[in-house]
Every structure is written in structure tokens, then in C-alpha cells.
């Protein structure tokens, strides 16, 4: 059985989750500027039935956040097309291919992809196995606990494992759950007890205490964090520091670098000023969910600034004042 690596202090493998929309290139570059995680997964590439693989893989840059590795994620419901795109991604330099079996979006599931694959374990196996056979690099699966319910949970686990994947990442909510009810960590523990391959836990890791509780209650082999890393960009550092028996205090200089990188990456991509401003507000809508910042959240998000830099400066001042240490 392949094992996920740990650092010298036995901190588990830490991954930045793929997130459609907010988890784009600008967010990944911003997170990479401050680091703390071992690997990131790119938001999914949609693979239609008549896929032109060379066109699709243009959006994937394996060195995007180097030296941190960036895995490619693909999502589709046509085994042959998925295999072709996976092969093209490997040739482009991908070190790992992740198969999305969890996206709950109706526009995705309506085409039989994402979490729709959880309706038919045999077909899930067929799709994933086609990808495994097409490449020589590791293939993994990120899945939810089911579509409408968890009736096929175990069947889907075994279908994924038997396809030949290296490990499985579980977000223990169904498609119908969306992001609403608490993630069922007991299902991660169940997956860990049933499977011979490593299991990465994902869902509701917002603090160091959450991360430790998931590791203790599920015995999972690694952690994947999405929304928690948006709310607190230094969460990975804090988890790692706990295992090193140290205290990690976020510095203002690092936070400033994070936001400056985010804005600079958007500008490099040619995003209009209005788009930059909207995306900054989206980012801050998560950060200002912190209890120490909630009382200023609505006023900040409702503010109007013609330039994103002005909005960024006003938000920075609030955060510096209440949250982060100065040099």
C-alpha cells in the first residue's frame, strides 16, 4: 500500500483543495506565496464527450505554483475522453491526475459527471479505470458520500479502490447535502476501516482543533482543506506548527504578500478593474467570517471603492488592527 508522506514532525500530508470559482489561479498563487501546504489540486477541467484534449490541457500549468506541486483534476462521464485528456495532462507534466466524483452542481450532474457517478458504482469504476490505464502517474479520486443518500457508499468506495487508484479523498456529504449540514466524519472513519489504500479527509476543517479532531476520530492519512484556508490563509502553517510543538503567529508582512500576489495575478490575467474588485470582496467575505471581524464584515463588503487597491487597503487596516502581528 502506498503511503502519503509526513514531515519530520509527523504532520500528515496537507493539501489545498480544488474549489470551483474562488479557488482559481490567483488564489493558488496567493496561497503559494505564503506556503504551508504540501500540494494543491487545480480546479477541475471539464471533459465533454467530444473532447479536444490538447485544447483542454492548455489551462493546466504544472509549474504554476512551483516548487509546490499542482495536481490536475478532470471531470467527465465518457471513459475514452477522460483517458485521452489524462494522457495529455501526463505528457504536459502532471505528476498526478485526480478524478472528480463529487461536484454537486446541477449543470455538472445533469450531464452524468461529478457526483452523478456515485449513482452507478460499476460505471464509476469504468471511468476511473480508463484513466488509470491511460497513464503511468498516480491517479486518485475525490468523491462525496453519495448522491441522494449513502446507500451505495461502500460500493462506491470499493469501485474506486478496485479501479487501481493510489488513494481516495472523501468529502462526507451527499450531492443533495451541498455544503449545508455538518460533514459526516464517521464516514471517513468507515472508509479508512474498509479500504486498503490511504484515505484523505476533507470537510469542515476550519481550525487547528478541527484538523486534530478529524485525524483522531477518523485515523485518515492526510488532510485536504478548502474553505478553511480561505477564511484563514495561515491554517496550514498553524497545523504544521502544532506537530512541531511550536506556535505560529501570522505576520502582517506575509498577509500583505498574500493579498498583493492575489491582486497582481488577477491584473496579469487582464481581469477588468470591476472583476478584480468583485473577486477581492468574495475573498474577504470568507476572511471576515472570523469572530473577531464579523462586526465589520457587512460594512466592508457594502463599501464602494473605484479601485481594488483602495478596497484592499481599507480591509488590510481592519485586519492588521485586530488580527495579525506587526513586525
C-alpha atoms as a PDB file:
ATOM      1  CA  UNK A   1       0.000   0.000   0.000  1.00  0.00           C
ATOM      2  CA  UNK A   2       1.350   3.416  -0.962  1.00  0.00           C
ATOM      3  CA  UNK A   3       1.698   5.772   1.969  1.00  0.00           C
ATOM      4  CA  UNK A   4       1.206   9.529   1.993  1.00  0.00           C
ATOM      5  CA  UNK A   5       4.352  11.262   3.261  1.00  0.00           C
ATOM      6  CA  UNK A   6       4.617  13.055   6.600  1.00  0.00           C
ATOM      7  CA  UNK A   7       7.101  15.724   7.599  1.00  0.00           C
ATOM      8  CA  UNK A   8       9.848  15.150  10.168  1.00  0.00           C
ATOM      9  CA  UNK A   9       7.433  16.039  12.993  1.00  0.00           C
ATOM     10  CA  UNK A  10       4.844  13.507  11.721  1.00  0.00           C
ATOM     11  CA  UNK A  11       2.477  16.176  10.464  1.00  0.00           C
ATOM     12  CA  UNK A  12       0.149  14.486   7.941  1.00  0.00           C
ATOM     13  CA  UNK A  13       0.199  15.365   4.254  1.00  0.00           C
ATOM     14  CA  UNK A  14      -1.592  18.704   3.770  1.00  0.00           C
ATOM     15  CA  UNK A  15      -3.389  19.547   0.534  1.00  0.00           C
ATOM     16  CA  UNK A  16      -5.059  22.705  -0.746  1.00  0.00           C
ATOM     17  CA  UNK A  17      -8.433  21.655  -2.134  1.00  0.00           C
ATOM     18  CA  UNK A  18      -9.723  22.392  -5.622  1.00  0.00           C
ATOM     19  CA  UNK A  19     -12.587  24.896  -5.440  1.00  0.00           C
ATOM     20  CA  UNK A  20     -14.560  25.997  -8.456  1.00  0.00           C
ATOM     21  CA  UNK A  21     -14.821  29.767  -8.717  1.00  0.00           C
ATOM     22  CA  UNK A  22     -12.846  31.213  -5.823  1.00  0.00           C
ATOM     23  CA  UNK A  23     -10.095  28.576  -5.863  1.00  0.00           C
ATOM     24  CA  UNK A  24      -8.662  29.809  -9.148  1.00  0.00           C
ATOM     25  CA  UNK A  25      -5.108  30.571 -10.280  1.00  0.00           C
ATOM     26  CA  UNK A  26      -4.970  33.896  -8.417  1.00  0.00           C
ATOM     27  CA  UNK A  27      -5.968  32.188  -5.156  1.00  0.00           C
ATOM     28  CA  UNK A  28      -3.489  29.335  -5.633  1.00  0.00           C
ATOM     29  CA  UNK A  29      -0.666  31.773  -6.400  1.00  0.00           C
ATOM     30  CA  UNK A  30      -1.556  33.851  -3.335  1.00  0.00           C
ATOM     31  CA  UNK A  31      -1.607  30.769  -1.112  1.00  0.00           C
ATOM     32  CA  UNK A  32       1.684  29.539  -2.582  1.00  0.00           C
ATOM     33  CA  UNK A  33       3.297  32.898  -1.793  1.00  0.00           C
ATOM     34  CA  UNK A  34       2.929  32.128   1.923  1.00  0.00           C
ATOM     35  CA  UNK A  35       3.082  28.306   1.648  1.00  0.00           C
ATOM     36  CA  UNK A  36       2.489  25.813   4.438  1.00  0.00           C
ATOM     37  CA  UNK A  37       0.870  23.034   2.385  1.00  0.00           C
ATOM     38  CA  UNK A  38       2.443  20.085   0.574  1.00  0.00           C
ATOM     39  CA  UNK A  39       0.391  20.028  -2.607  1.00  0.00           C
ATOM     40  CA  UNK A  40      -2.515  21.728  -4.345  1.00  0.00           C
ATOM     41  CA  UNK A  41      -5.129  20.379  -6.735  1.00  0.00           C
ATOM     42  CA  UNK A  42      -6.269  22.512  -9.644  1.00  0.00           C
ATOM     43  CA  UNK A  43      -9.985  23.170 -10.044  1.00  0.00           C
ATOM     44  CA  UNK A  44     -11.453  20.624 -12.444  1.00  0.00           C
ATOM     45  CA  UNK A  45     -11.114  20.552 -16.203  1.00  0.00           C
ATOM     46  CA  UNK A  46     -14.457  19.630 -17.762  1.00  0.00           C
ATOM     47  CA  UNK A  47     -14.105  16.767 -20.222  1.00  0.00           C
ATOM     48  CA  UNK A  48     -17.013  16.637 -22.707  1.00  0.00           C
ATOM     49  CA  UNK A  49     -17.808  13.583 -24.811  1.00  0.00           C
ATOM     50  CA  UNK A  50     -16.105  15.048 -27.862  1.00  0.00           C
ATOM     51  CA  UNK A  51     -13.079  16.393 -26.029  1.00  0.00           C
ATOM     52  CA  UNK A  52     -10.183  18.038 -27.811  1.00  0.00           C
ATOM     53  CA  UNK A  53      -7.528  17.056 -25.311  1.00  0.00           C
ATOM     54  CA  UNK A  54      -4.799  19.463 -26.460  1.00  0.00           C
ATOM     55  CA  UNK A  55      -7.143  22.434 -26.137  1.00  0.00           C
ATOM     56  CA  UNK A  56      -8.383  21.350 -22.720  1.00  0.00           C
ATOM     57  CA  UNK A  57      -4.968  20.904 -21.145  1.00  0.00           C
ATOM     58  CA  UNK A  58      -3.798  24.409 -22.120  1.00  0.00           C
ATOM     59  CA  UNK A  59      -5.367  25.677 -18.902  1.00  0.00           C
ATOM     60  CA  UNK A  60      -3.203  23.404 -16.772  1.00  0.00           C
ATOM     61  CA  UNK A  61       0.272  24.646 -15.843  1.00  0.00           C
ATOM     62  CA  UNK A  62       2.183  22.044 -13.800  1.00  0.00           C
ATOM     63  CA  UNK A  63       4.735  24.642 -12.614  1.00  0.00           C
ATOM     64  CA  UNK A  64       2.109  27.248 -11.731  1.00  0.00           C
ATOM     65  CA  UNK A  65       2.951  27.324  -8.017  1.00  0.00           C
ATOM     66  CA  UNK A  66       6.386  25.632  -8.098  1.00  0.00           C
ATOM     67  CA  UNK A  67       8.088  24.350  -6.034  1.00  0.00           C
ATOM     68  CA  UNK A  68       4.727  23.228  -4.609  1.00  0.00           C
ATOM     69  CA  UNK A  69       3.307  20.500  -6.888  1.00  0.00           C
ATOM     70  CA  UNK A  70      -0.053  21.091  -8.563  1.00  0.00           C
ATOM     71  CA  UNK A  71      -2.136  18.022  -9.408  1.00  0.00           C
ATOM     72  CA  UNK A  72      -4.600  18.090 -12.293  1.00  0.00           C
ATOM     73  CA  UNK A  73      -8.270  17.256 -11.747  1.00  0.00           C
ATOM     74  CA  UNK A  74     -10.606  16.092 -14.515  1.00  0.00           C
ATOM     75  CA  UNK A  75     -14.347  15.651 -14.532  1.00  0.00           C
ATOM     76  CA  UNK A  76     -16.467  13.884 -17.099  1.00  0.00           C
ATOM     77  CA  UNK A  77     -18.597  10.855 -17.883  1.00  0.00           C
ATOM     78  CA  UNK A  78     -17.018   9.449 -21.051  1.00  0.00           C
ATOM     79  CA  UNK A  79     -14.263   6.923 -20.219  1.00  0.00           C
ATOM     80  CA  UNK A  80     -12.411   7.235 -23.522  1.00  0.00           C
ATOM     81  CA  UNK A  81     -12.402  11.038 -23.471  1.00  0.00           C
ATOM     82  CA  UNK A  82     -11.283  11.086 -19.824  1.00  0.00           C
ATOM     83  CA  UNK A  83      -8.433   8.710 -20.680  1.00  0.00           C
ATOM     84  CA  UNK A  84      -7.291  10.857 -23.610  1.00  0.00           C
ATOM     85  CA  UNK A  85      -7.228  14.034 -21.537  1.00  0.00           C
ATOM     86  CA  UNK A  86      -5.413  12.276 -18.685  1.00  0.00           C
ATOM     87  CA  UNK A  87      -2.743  11.097 -21.116  1.00  0.00           C
ATOM     88  CA  UNK A  88      -2.346  14.629 -22.492  1.00  0.00           C
ATOM     89  CA  UNK A  89      -2.010  16.002 -18.960  1.00  0.00           C
ATOM     90  CA  UNK A  90       0.686  13.473 -18.139  1.00  0.00           C
ATOM     91  CA  UNK A  91       2.609  14.459 -21.259  1.00  0.00           C
ATOM     92  CA  UNK A  92       2.335  18.098 -20.221  1.00  0.00           C
ATOM     93  CA  UNK A  93       3.967  17.345 -16.879  1.00  0.00           C
ATOM     94  CA  UNK A  94       1.199  16.461 -14.421  1.00  0.00           C
ATOM     95  CA  UNK A  95       2.528  14.415 -11.501  1.00  0.00           C
ATOM     96  CA  UNK A  96      -0.936  13.154 -10.520  1.00  0.00           C
ATOM     97  CA  UNK A  97      -4.438  13.002 -12.006  1.00  0.00           C
ATOM     98  CA  UNK A  98      -7.457  13.354  -9.716  1.00  0.00           C
ATOM     99  CA  UNK A  99     -10.895  12.231 -10.914  1.00  0.00           C
ATOM    100  CA  UNK A 100     -13.767  14.392  -9.678  1.00  0.00           C
ATOM    101  CA  UNK A 101     -16.615  12.228  -8.375  1.00  0.00           C
ATOM    102  CA  UNK A 102     -18.060  14.842  -6.091  1.00  0.00           C
ATOM    103  CA  UNK A 103     -19.069  18.099  -7.762  1.00  0.00           C
ATOM    104  CA  UNK A 104     -22.711  18.743  -6.733  1.00  0.00           C
ATOM    105  CA  UNK A 105     -23.515  21.392  -9.365  1.00  0.00           C
ATOM    106  CA  UNK A 106     -26.705  20.582 -11.271  1.00  0.00           C
ATOM    107  CA  UNK A 107     -25.109  21.718 -14.541  1.00  0.00           C
ATOM    108  CA  UNK A 108     -22.459  19.035 -13.965  1.00  0.00           C
ATOM    109  CA  UNK A 109     -24.597  16.218 -12.588  1.00  0.00           C
ATOM    110  CA  UNK A 110     -27.161  16.767 -15.328  1.00  0.00           C
ATOM    111  CA  UNK A 111     -24.527  15.536 -17.778  1.00  0.00           C
ATOM    112  CA  UNK A 112     -23.708  12.437 -15.732  1.00  0.00           C
ATOM    113  CA  UNK A 113     -20.425  13.765 -14.314  1.00  0.00           C
ATOM    114  CA  UNK A 114     -19.230  14.773 -10.844  1.00  0.00           C
ATOM    115  CA  UNK A 115     -21.309  13.283  -8.054  1.00  0.00           C
ATOM    116  CA  UNK A 116     -23.639  11.665 -10.609  1.00  0.00           C
ATOM    117  CA  UNK A 117     -21.017   8.918 -10.959  1.00  0.00           C
ATOM    118  CA  UNK A 118     -21.955   7.859  -7.425  1.00  0.00           C
ATOM    119  CA  UNK A 119     -25.322   6.625  -8.707  1.00  0.00           C
ATOM    120  CA  UNK A 120     -23.659   3.709 -10.516  1.00  0.00           C
ATOM    121  CA  UNK A 121     -20.577   2.189  -8.858  1.00  0.00           C
ATOM    122  CA  UNK A 122     -19.869  -0.019 -11.880  1.00  0.00           C
ATOM    123  CA  UNK A 123     -19.777   2.984 -14.182  1.00  0.00           C
ATOM    124  CA  UNK A 124     -17.641   4.939 -11.689  1.00  0.00           C
ATOM    125  CA  UNK A 125     -15.202   2.021 -11.809  1.00  0.00           C
ATOM    126  CA  UNK A 126     -15.236   2.044 -15.622  1.00  0.00           C
ATOM    127  CA  UNK A 127     -14.496   5.768 -15.865  1.00  0.00           C
ATOM    128  CA  UNK A 128     -11.728   5.774 -13.265  1.00  0.00           C
ATOM    129  CA  UNK A 129     -10.121   2.582 -14.517  1.00  0.00           C
ATOM    130  CA  UNK A 130      -9.934   4.064 -18.026  1.00  0.00           C
ATOM    131  CA  UNK A 131      -7.921   6.960 -16.588  1.00  0.00           C
ATOM    132  CA  UNK A 132      -5.677   4.649 -14.546  1.00  0.00           C
ATOM    133  CA  UNK A 133      -4.864   2.538 -17.604  1.00  0.00           C
ATOM    134  CA  UNK A 134      -4.107   5.604 -19.745  1.00  0.00           C
ATOM    135  CA  UNK A 135      -1.270   6.992 -17.616  1.00  0.00           C
ATOM    136  CA  UNK A 136       1.790   5.892 -15.670  1.00  0.00           C
ATOM    137  CA  UNK A 137       1.448   8.557 -12.953  1.00  0.00           C
ATOM    138  CA  UNK A 138      -0.731   8.093  -9.835  1.00  0.00           C
ATOM    139  CA  UNK A 139      -4.483   8.510 -10.262  1.00  0.00           C
ATOM    140  CA  UNK A 140      -6.701   9.426  -7.318  1.00  0.00           C
ATOM    141  CA  UNK A 141     -10.398  10.033  -6.722  1.00  0.00           C
ATOM    142  CA  UNK A 142     -12.153  12.797  -4.814  1.00  0.00           C
ATOM    143  CA  UNK A 143     -15.708  11.771  -4.001  1.00  0.00           C
ATOM    144  CA  UNK A 144     -18.691  12.581  -1.849  1.00  0.00           C
ATOM    145  CA  UNK A 145     -20.513  10.071   0.326  1.00  0.00           C
ATOM    146  CA  UNK A 146     -23.346   9.592  -2.142  1.00  0.00           C
ATOM    147  CA  UNK A 147     -25.845  11.281  -4.440  1.00  0.00           C
ATOM    148  CA  UNK A 148     -29.199  11.424  -2.656  1.00  0.00           C
ATOM    149  CA  UNK A 149     -28.122   9.260   0.295  1.00  0.00           C
ATOM    150  CA  UNK A 150     -25.320   6.950   1.401  1.00  0.00           C
ATOM    151  CA  UNK A 151     -26.959   3.684   0.301  1.00  0.00           C
ATOM    152  CA  UNK A 152     -24.173   2.995  -2.226  1.00  0.00           C
ATOM    153  CA  UNK A 153     -21.361   4.396  -0.103  1.00  0.00           C
ATOM    154  CA  UNK A 154     -19.433   1.168   0.400  1.00  0.00           C
ATOM    155  CA  UNK A 155     -19.972   0.045  -3.185  1.00  0.00           C
ATOM    156  CA  UNK A 156     -18.542   3.323  -4.455  1.00  0.00           C
ATOM    157  CA  UNK A 157     -15.543   3.060  -2.133  1.00  0.00           C
ATOM    158  CA  UNK A 158     -14.668  -0.394  -3.406  1.00  0.00           C
ATOM    159  CA  UNK A 159     -15.370   0.546  -7.027  1.00  0.00           C
ATOM    160  CA  UNK A 160     -12.859   3.384  -6.723  1.00  0.00           C
ATOM    161  CA  UNK A 161     -10.258   1.245  -4.954  1.00  0.00           C
ATOM    162  CA  UNK A 162     -10.548  -1.639  -7.414  1.00  0.00           C
ATOM    163  CA  UNK A 163     -10.026   0.697 -10.355  1.00  0.00           C
ATOM    164  CA  UNK A 164      -6.383   0.954  -9.313  1.00  0.00           C
ATOM    165  CA  UNK A 165      -6.186   4.406  -7.719  1.00  0.00           C
ATOM    166  CA  UNK A 166      -3.355   5.389  -5.372  1.00  0.00           C
ATOM    167  CA  UNK A 167      -5.608   6.892  -2.712  1.00  0.00           C
ATOM    168  CA  UNK A 168      -9.054   8.388  -2.159  1.00  0.00           C
ATOM    169  CA  UNK A 169     -10.153  11.779  -0.821  1.00  0.00           C
ATOM    170  CA  UNK A 170     -13.565  11.807   0.846  1.00  0.00           C
ATOM    171  CA  UNK A 171     -15.820  14.804   1.385  1.00  0.00           C
ATOM    172  CA  UNK A 172     -18.503  13.151   3.538  1.00  0.00           C
ATOM    173  CA  UNK A 173     -21.582  14.950   2.297  1.00  0.00           C
ATOM    174  CA  UNK A 174     -24.001  13.804  -0.394  1.00  0.00           C
ATOM    175  CA  UNK A 175     -24.761  15.740  -3.552  1.00  0.00           C
ATOM    176  CA  UNK A 176     -28.137  16.675  -2.053  1.00  0.00           C
ATOM    177  CA  UNK A 177     -26.425  17.938   1.122  1.00  0.00           C
ATOM    178  CA  UNK A 178     -24.435  20.503  -0.851  1.00  0.00           C
ATOM    179  CA  UNK A 179     -22.361  22.322   1.779  1.00  0.00           C
ATOM    180  CA  UNK A 180     -25.150  22.611   4.332  1.00  0.00           C
ATOM    181  CA  UNK A 181     -25.208  20.055   7.148  1.00  0.00           C
ATOM    182  CA  UNK A 182     -22.072  19.142   9.085  1.00  0.00           C
ATOM    183  CA  UNK A 183     -19.737  16.792   7.242  1.00  0.00           C
ATOM    184  CA  UNK A 184     -20.106  13.212   8.480  1.00  0.00           C
ATOM    185  CA  UNK A 185     -16.602  12.423   9.642  1.00  0.00           C
ATOM    186  CA  UNK A 186     -17.795   8.981  10.783  1.00  0.00           C
ATOM    187  CA  UNK A 187     -17.941   8.068   7.088  1.00  0.00           C
ATOM    188  CA  UNK A 188     -14.261   8.971   6.702  1.00  0.00           C
ATOM    189  CA  UNK A 189     -13.537   6.620   9.602  1.00  0.00           C
ATOM    190  CA  UNK A 190     -15.626   3.932   7.899  1.00  0.00           C
ATOM    191  CA  UNK A 191     -13.771   4.394   4.610  1.00  0.00           C
ATOM    192  CA  UNK A 192     -10.462   4.167   6.439  1.00  0.00           C
ATOM    193  CA  UNK A 193     -11.508   0.903   8.112  1.00  0.00           C
ATOM    194  CA  UNK A 194     -12.680  -0.659   4.832  1.00  0.00           C
ATOM    195  CA  UNK A 195     -10.058   0.354   2.296  1.00  0.00           C
ATOM    196  CA  UNK A 196      -6.516  -0.860   1.779  1.00  0.00           C
ATOM    197  CA  UNK A 197      -5.438   2.414   0.153  1.00  0.00           C
ATOM    198  CA  UNK A 198      -4.818   5.703   2.013  1.00  0.00           C
ATOM    199  CA  UNK A 199      -7.785   7.982   2.730  1.00  0.00           C
ATOM    200  CA  UNK A 200      -7.578  11.779   2.811  1.00  0.00           C
ATOM    201  CA  UNK A 201     -10.193  13.561   4.920  1.00  0.00           C
ATOM    202  CA  UNK A 202     -11.944  16.691   3.653  1.00  0.00           C
ATOM    203  CA  UNK A 203     -14.766  18.822   5.014  1.00  0.00           C
ATOM    204  CA  UNK A 204     -15.321  21.295   7.881  1.00  0.00           C
ATOM    205  CA  UNK A 205     -11.656  21.764   8.777  1.00  0.00           C
ATOM    206  CA  UNK A 206     -11.705  25.420   9.813  1.00  0.00           C
ATOM    207  CA  UNK A 207      -9.273  25.427  12.743  1.00  0.00           C
ATOM    208  CA  UNK A 208      -6.255  23.523  14.061  1.00  0.00           C
ATOM    209  CA  UNK A 209      -8.582  21.885  16.571  1.00  0.00           C
ATOM    210  CA  UNK A 210     -10.817  20.658  13.723  1.00  0.00           C
ATOM    211  CA  UNK A 211      -7.808  19.178  11.937  1.00  0.00           C
ATOM    212  CA  UNK A 212      -6.633  17.332  15.055  1.00  0.00           C
ATOM    213  CA  UNK A 213     -10.126  16.069  15.821  1.00  0.00           C
ATOM    214  CA  UNK A 214     -10.537  14.731  12.283  1.00  0.00           C
ATOM    215  CA  UNK A 215      -7.200  12.937  12.473  1.00  0.00           C
ATOM    216  CA  UNK A 216      -8.036  11.459  15.877  1.00  0.00           C
ATOM    217  CA  UNK A 217     -11.614  10.381  15.126  1.00  0.00           C
ATOM    218  CA  UNK A 218     -11.090   9.075  11.590  1.00  0.00           C
ATOM    219  CA  UNK A 219      -7.430   7.934  11.515  1.00  0.00           C
ATOM    220  CA  UNK A 220      -7.238   9.367   7.993  1.00  0.00           C
ATOM    221  CA  UNK A 221      -3.862   9.565   6.271  1.00  0.00           C
ATOM    222  CA  UNK A 222      -3.922  13.179   5.129  1.00  0.00           C
ATOM    223  CA  UNK A 223      -5.983  16.368   5.193  1.00  0.00           C
ATOM    224  CA  UNK A 224      -7.432  18.389   2.341  1.00  0.00           C
ATOM    225  CA  UNK A 225      -8.622  21.882   3.251  1.00  0.00           C
ATOM    226  CA  UNK A 226     -10.707  24.211   1.102  1.00  0.00           C
ATOM    227  CA  UNK A 227     -12.917  26.870   2.650  1.00  0.00           C
ATOM    228  CA  UNK A 228     -10.941  26.821   5.899  1.00  0.00           C
ATOM    229  CA  UNK A 229      -7.882  28.036   4.009  1.00  0.00           C
ATOM    230  CA  UNK A 230      -9.849  30.951   2.538  1.00  0.00           C
ATOM    231  CA  UNK A 231     -11.068  32.006   5.955  1.00  0.00           C
ATOM    232  CA  UNK A 232      -7.558  31.660   7.407  1.00  0.00           C
ATOM    233  CA  UNK A 233      -4.724  31.554   4.839  1.00  0.00           C
ATOM    234  CA  UNK A 234      -2.295  30.552   7.602  1.00  0.00           C
ATOM    235  CA  UNK A 235      -4.208  27.471   8.743  1.00  0.00           C
ATOM    236  CA  UNK A 236      -1.734  25.063   7.129  1.00  0.00           C
ATOM    237  CA  UNK A 237       1.166  26.765   8.913  1.00  0.00           C
ATOM    238  CA  UNK A 238      -0.680  26.554  12.220  1.00  0.00           C
ATOM    239  CA  UNK A 239      -1.403  22.834  11.810  1.00  0.00           C
ATOM    240  CA  UNK A 240       2.226  22.153  10.919  1.00  0.00           C
ATOM    241  CA  UNK A 241       3.428  24.220  13.882  1.00  0.00           C
ATOM    242  CA  UNK A 242       1.278  22.183  16.258  1.00  0.00           C
ATOM    243  CA  UNK A 243       3.076  18.985  15.265  1.00  0.00           C
ATOM    244  CA  UNK A 244       6.428  20.736  15.685  1.00  0.00           C
ATOM    245  CA  UNK A 245       5.276  21.845  19.153  1.00  0.00           C
ATOM    246  CA  UNK A 246       5.627  25.462  18.190  1.00  0.00           C
ATOM    247  CA  UNK A 247       3.310  28.462  17.996  1.00  0.00           C
ATOM    248  CA  UNK A 248       2.745  30.048  14.616  1.00  0.00           C
ATOM    249  CA  UNK A 249       1.846  33.743  14.723  1.00  0.00           C
ATOM    250  CA  UNK A 250       0.694  35.144  11.369  1.00  0.00           C
ATOM    251  CA  UNK A 251       2.738  38.183  10.357  1.00  0.00           C
ATOM    252  CA  UNK A 252       1.373  41.270   8.694  1.00  0.00           C
ATOM    253  CA  UNK A 253       4.105  41.139   6.040  1.00  0.00           C
ATOM    254  CA  UNK A 254       3.030  37.649   4.977  1.00  0.00           C
ATOM    255  CA  UNK A 255      -0.629  38.653   4.841  1.00  0.00           C
ATOM    256  CA  UNK A 256       0.265  41.676   2.744  1.00  0.00           C
ATOM    257  CA  UNK A 257       2.223  39.471   0.343  1.00  0.00           C
ATOM    258  CA  UNK A 258      -0.780  37.132   0.091  1.00  0.00           C
ATOM    259  CA  UNK A 259      -3.170  39.892  -0.973  1.00  0.00           C
ATOM    260  CA  UNK A 260      -0.677  41.671  -3.199  1.00  0.00           C
ATOM    261  CA  UNK A 261       0.013  38.403  -5.037  1.00  0.00           C
ATOM    262  CA  UNK A 262      -3.709  37.764  -5.445  1.00  0.00           C
ATOM    263  CA  UNK A 263      -4.310  41.189  -6.952  1.00  0.00           C
ATOM    264  CA  UNK A 264      -1.178  41.084  -9.134  1.00  0.00           C
ATOM    265  CA  UNK A 265      -2.139  37.696 -10.589  1.00  0.00           C
ATOM    266  CA  UNK A 266      -5.584  38.968 -11.483  1.00  0.00           C
ATOM    267  CA  UNK A 267      -4.034  42.008 -13.174  1.00  0.00           C
ATOM    268  CA  UNK A 268      -1.576  39.824 -15.113  1.00  0.00           C
ATOM    269  CA  UNK A 269      -4.507  37.851 -16.480  1.00  0.00           C
ATOM    270  CA  UNK A 270      -6.084  41.058 -17.755  1.00  0.00           C
ATOM    271  CA  UNK A 271      -9.078  40.995 -15.420  1.00  0.00           C
ATOM    272  CA  UNK A 272     -11.134  44.224 -15.594  1.00  0.00           C
ATOM    273  CA  UNK A 273     -10.995  46.527 -12.580  1.00  0.00           C
ATOM    274  CA  UNK A 274     -14.608  45.703 -11.677  1.00  0.00           C
ATOM    275  CA  UNK A 275     -13.868  41.970 -11.757  1.00  0.00           C
ATOM    276  CA  UNK A 276     -10.800  42.436  -9.539  1.00  0.00           C
ATOM    277  CA  UNK A 277     -12.903  44.322  -7.027  1.00  0.00           C
ATOM    278  CA  UNK A 278     -15.651  41.688  -7.020  1.00  0.00           C
ATOM    279  CA  UNK A 279     -13.192  38.848  -6.539  1.00  0.00           C
ATOM    280  CA  UNK A 280     -11.457  40.667  -3.690  1.00  0.00           C
ATOM    281  CA  UNK A 281     -14.802  41.107  -1.953  1.00  0.00           C
ATOM    282  CA  UNK A 282     -15.533  37.414  -2.469  1.00  0.00           C
ATOM    283  CA  UNK A 283     -12.224  36.543  -0.813  1.00  0.00           C
ATOM    284  CA  UNK A 284     -12.807  38.919   2.094  1.00  0.00           C
ATOM    285  CA  UNK A 285     -16.349  37.628   2.600  1.00  0.00           C
ATOM    286  CA  UNK A 286     -14.715  34.413   3.854  1.00  0.00           C
ATOM    287  CA  UNK A 287     -11.920  36.038   5.861  1.00  0.00           C
ATOM    288  CA  UNK A 288     -14.337  38.331   7.684  1.00  0.00           C
ATOM    289  CA  UNK A 289     -16.335  35.349   8.951  1.00  0.00           C
ATOM    290  CA  UNK A 290     -13.758  35.197  11.741  1.00  0.00           C
ATOM    291  CA  UNK A 291     -15.498  36.060  15.021  1.00  0.00           C
ATOM    292  CA  UNK A 292     -13.056  38.920  15.631  1.00  0.00           C
ATOM    293  CA  UNK A 293     -14.003  40.556  12.340  1.00  0.00           C
ATOM    294  CA  UNK A 294     -17.719  39.799  11.974  1.00  0.00           C
ATOM    295  CA  UNK A 295     -18.877  43.168  13.283  1.00  0.00           C
ATOM    296  CA  UNK A 296     -17.079  44.932  10.408  1.00  0.00           C
ATOM    297  CA  UNK A 297     -17.957  42.410   7.691  1.00  0.00           C
ATOM    298  CA  UNK A 298     -21.174  43.874   6.300  1.00  0.00           C
ATOM    299  CA  UNK A 299     -19.886  47.456   6.241  1.00  0.00           C
ATOM    300  CA  UNK A 300     -16.728  46.411   4.422  1.00  0.00           C
ATOM    301  CA  UNK A 301     -18.489  44.283   1.814  1.00  0.00           C
ATOM    302  CA  UNK A 302     -21.076  47.003   1.181  1.00  0.00           C
ATOM    303  CA  UNK A 303     -18.413  49.687   0.711  1.00  0.00           C
ATOM    304  CA  UNK A 304     -17.800  51.115  -2.746  1.00  0.00           C
ATOM    305  CA  UNK A 305     -14.268  51.704  -3.967  1.00  0.00           C
ATOM    306  CA  UNK A 306     -13.474  52.546  -7.566  1.00  0.00           C
ATOM    307  CA  UNK A 307     -10.040  50.924  -7.334  1.00  0.00           C
ATOM    308  CA  UNK A 308      -9.447  47.416  -5.914  1.00  0.00           C
ATOM    309  CA  UNK A 309      -6.280  48.735  -4.240  1.00  0.00           C
ATOM    310  CA  UNK A 310      -8.404  51.157  -2.185  1.00  0.00           C
ATOM    311  CA  UNK A 311     -10.693  48.376  -1.018  1.00  0.00           C
ATOM    312  CA  UNK A 312      -7.682  46.208  -0.257  1.00  0.00           C
ATOM    313  CA  UNK A 313      -6.062  48.924   1.847  1.00  0.00           C
ATOM    314  CA  UNK A 314      -9.179  49.564   3.932  1.00  0.00           C
ATOM    315  CA  UNK A 315      -9.615  45.827   4.578  1.00  0.00           C
ATOM    316  CA  UNK A 316      -5.947  45.377   5.439  1.00  0.00           C
ATOM    317  CA  UNK A 317      -6.143  48.134   8.023  1.00  0.00           C
ATOM    318  CA  UNK A 318      -9.011  46.401   9.835  1.00  0.00           C
ATOM    319  CA  UNK A 319      -7.276  43.030   9.813  1.00  0.00           C
ATOM    320  CA  UNK A 320      -3.919  44.449  10.907  1.00  0.00           C
ATOM    321  CA  UNK A 321      -5.602  46.247  13.769  1.00  0.00           C
ATOM    322  CA  UNK A 322      -7.453  43.216  15.117  1.00  0.00           C
ATOM    323  CA  UNK A 323      -5.923  40.019  13.884  1.00  0.00           C
ATOM    324  CA  UNK A 324      -2.268  39.916  12.875  1.00  0.00           C
ATOM    325  CA  UNK A 325       1.032  40.758  14.481  1.00  0.00           C
ATOM    326  CA  UNK A 326       3.255  43.528  13.175  1.00  0.00           C
ATOM    327  CA  UNK A 327       6.992  43.130  12.706  1.00  0.00           C
END
